[in-house]
Protein backbone atom coordinates (compact mmCIF):
# COMPACT_ATOMS: atom_id res chain seq x y z
CA MET A 1 0.38 0.31 -0.30
CA LYS A 2 1.20 3.42 -0.74
CA ILE A 3 0.23 5.71 2.13
CA ILE A 4 1.23 9.61 2.24
CA ALA A 5 0.59 11.51 5.55
CA VAL A 6 0.44 15.04 6.82
CA CYS A 7 1.98 15.35 10.30
CA ALA A 8 1.15 19.36 12.08
CA CYS A 9 1.31 19.87 15.93
CA PRO A 10 0.21 22.93 17.33
CA THR A 11 3.52 24.29 18.20
CA GLY A 12 5.42 22.89 14.92
CA ILE A 13 8.51 21.36 16.51
CA ALA A 14 9.01 18.63 18.25
CA HIS A 15 5.76 16.42 17.71
CA THR A 16 5.38 16.88 14.33
CA TYR A 17 8.70 15.44 13.54
CA MET A 18 8.55 12.70 15.96
CA ALA A 19 4.78 11.44 14.30
CA GLN A 20 6.75 11.30 11.24
CA ALA A 21 9.29 9.38 12.48
CA ALA A 22 6.86 6.75 14.52
CA LEU A 23 4.61 6.75 11.05
CA GLU A 24 7.62 5.96 8.92
CA LYS A 25 8.89 3.28 11.02
CA ALA A 26 5.74 1.22 11.57
CA ALA A 27 4.39 1.41 7.95
CA MET A 28 8.29 0.49 6.40
CA GLY A 29 7.64 -2.28 9.35
CA ARG A 30 4.59 -3.55 7.64
CA GLY A 31 5.84 -3.06 4.27
CA HIS A 32 4.00 -0.44 3.07
CA ASP A 33 5.58 2.64 1.30
CA ILE A 34 4.87 6.09 2.94
CA LYS A 35 5.45 9.68 2.42
CA ILE A 36 5.12 12.61 4.76
CA GLU A 37 4.67 16.12 4.33
CA THR A 38 5.53 18.30 7.67
CA GLN A 39 3.70 21.36 8.46
CA GLY A 40 5.53 23.26 11.28
CA ALA A 41 7.85 25.95 12.53
CA MET A 42 9.78 25.36 9.38
CA GLY A 43 6.77 25.80 7.24
CA ILE A 44 5.73 22.77 4.87
CA GLU A 45 8.61 20.36 4.40
CA ASN A 46 8.53 17.23 2.37
CA GLU A 47 5.79 18.75 0.42
CA LEU A 48 3.83 16.20 -1.05
CA LEU A 49 3.30 16.35 -4.82
CA PRO A 50 0.12 15.99 -7.25
CA LYS A 51 1.96 12.68 -7.90
CA ASP A 52 2.23 11.45 -4.67
CA VAL A 53 -1.54 12.36 -3.87
CA GLU A 54 -2.58 10.37 -7.04
CA GLU A 55 -0.58 7.36 -6.53
CA ALA A 56 -1.68 7.20 -2.59
CA SER A 57 -4.37 4.48 -1.60
CA ILE A 58 -4.66 6.38 1.51
CA VAL A 59 -4.18 9.72 3.46
CA ILE A 60 -3.26 9.86 7.29
CA PHE A 61 -3.59 13.02 8.92
CA ALA A 62 -1.69 13.05 11.90
CA VAL A 63 -2.46 16.65 13.24
CA GLY A 64 -3.51 18.58 15.86
CA VAL A 65 -4.17 22.00 13.92
CA ASN A 66 -5.62 22.53 10.77
CA VAL A 67 -3.77 21.34 7.76
CA GLU A 68 -2.31 23.47 4.82
CA GLY A 69 -3.75 22.54 1.50
CA GLU A 70 -5.94 20.24 3.27
CA GLU A 71 -7.91 20.80 -0.50
CA ARG A 72 -5.58 18.93 -2.16
CA PHE A 73 -6.24 15.33 -0.53
CA SER A 74 -10.05 15.85 -1.97
CA GLY A 75 -11.54 12.28 -2.57
CA LYS A 76 -8.70 10.00 -1.23
CA PRO A 77 -9.76 7.87 1.45
CA SER A 78 -8.19 9.17 4.52
CA ILE A 79 -8.09 8.93 8.41
CA THR A 80 -7.44 12.06 10.74
CA VAL A 81 -5.69 11.11 14.41
CA GLU A 82 -4.29 13.28 16.94
CA VAL A 83 -0.46 13.42 16.44
CA GLY A 84 0.38 12.36 19.91
CA LYS A 85 -1.76 9.20 19.10
CA ALA A 86 1.00 8.62 16.02
CA ILE A 87 3.53 8.90 18.71
CA GLU A 88 2.20 6.57 21.08
CA ASN A 89 1.18 3.98 18.92
CA PRO A 90 1.51 3.94 14.80
CA MET A 91 1.22 0.37 14.45
CA ALA A 92 -2.84 1.26 15.48
CA VAL A 93 -2.84 4.43 13.29
CA ILE A 94 -0.86 2.00 10.19
CA GLU A 95 -3.74 -0.83 11.24
CA LYS A 96 -6.35 2.38 11.22
CA ALA A 97 -5.67 2.80 7.50
CA GLU A 98 -5.28 -0.44 6.56
CA LYS A 99 -8.72 -1.27 7.29
CA LYS A 100 -9.52 1.94 5.88
CA GLU A 101 -8.04 1.10 2.55
CA GLU A 102 -9.63 -1.67 2.19
CA GLN A 103 -12.95 -0.71 2.51
CA ALA A 104 -12.50 2.40 -0.38
């Protein structure tokens, strides 16, 4: 499965990047491709391109704030979780994404 994600926390510093690392590790551990855009104090980093969105099976929003440019993902199956959940139990987030993608 090809997963794309956006991670963003209210302060846009530590938790954004902790969620990114946790989701990457969990997704790769289950054999999925994943690309994550971070939105934080440094602005948008690793911006997801239209091709990334087109090729993705599902979008994970691990956020505690509004996503900048959320309309780019319109029409894609998605799940939204709090940033803290992605850090605490990233495998559960990936499993939730797998179930959602199966239903799509």
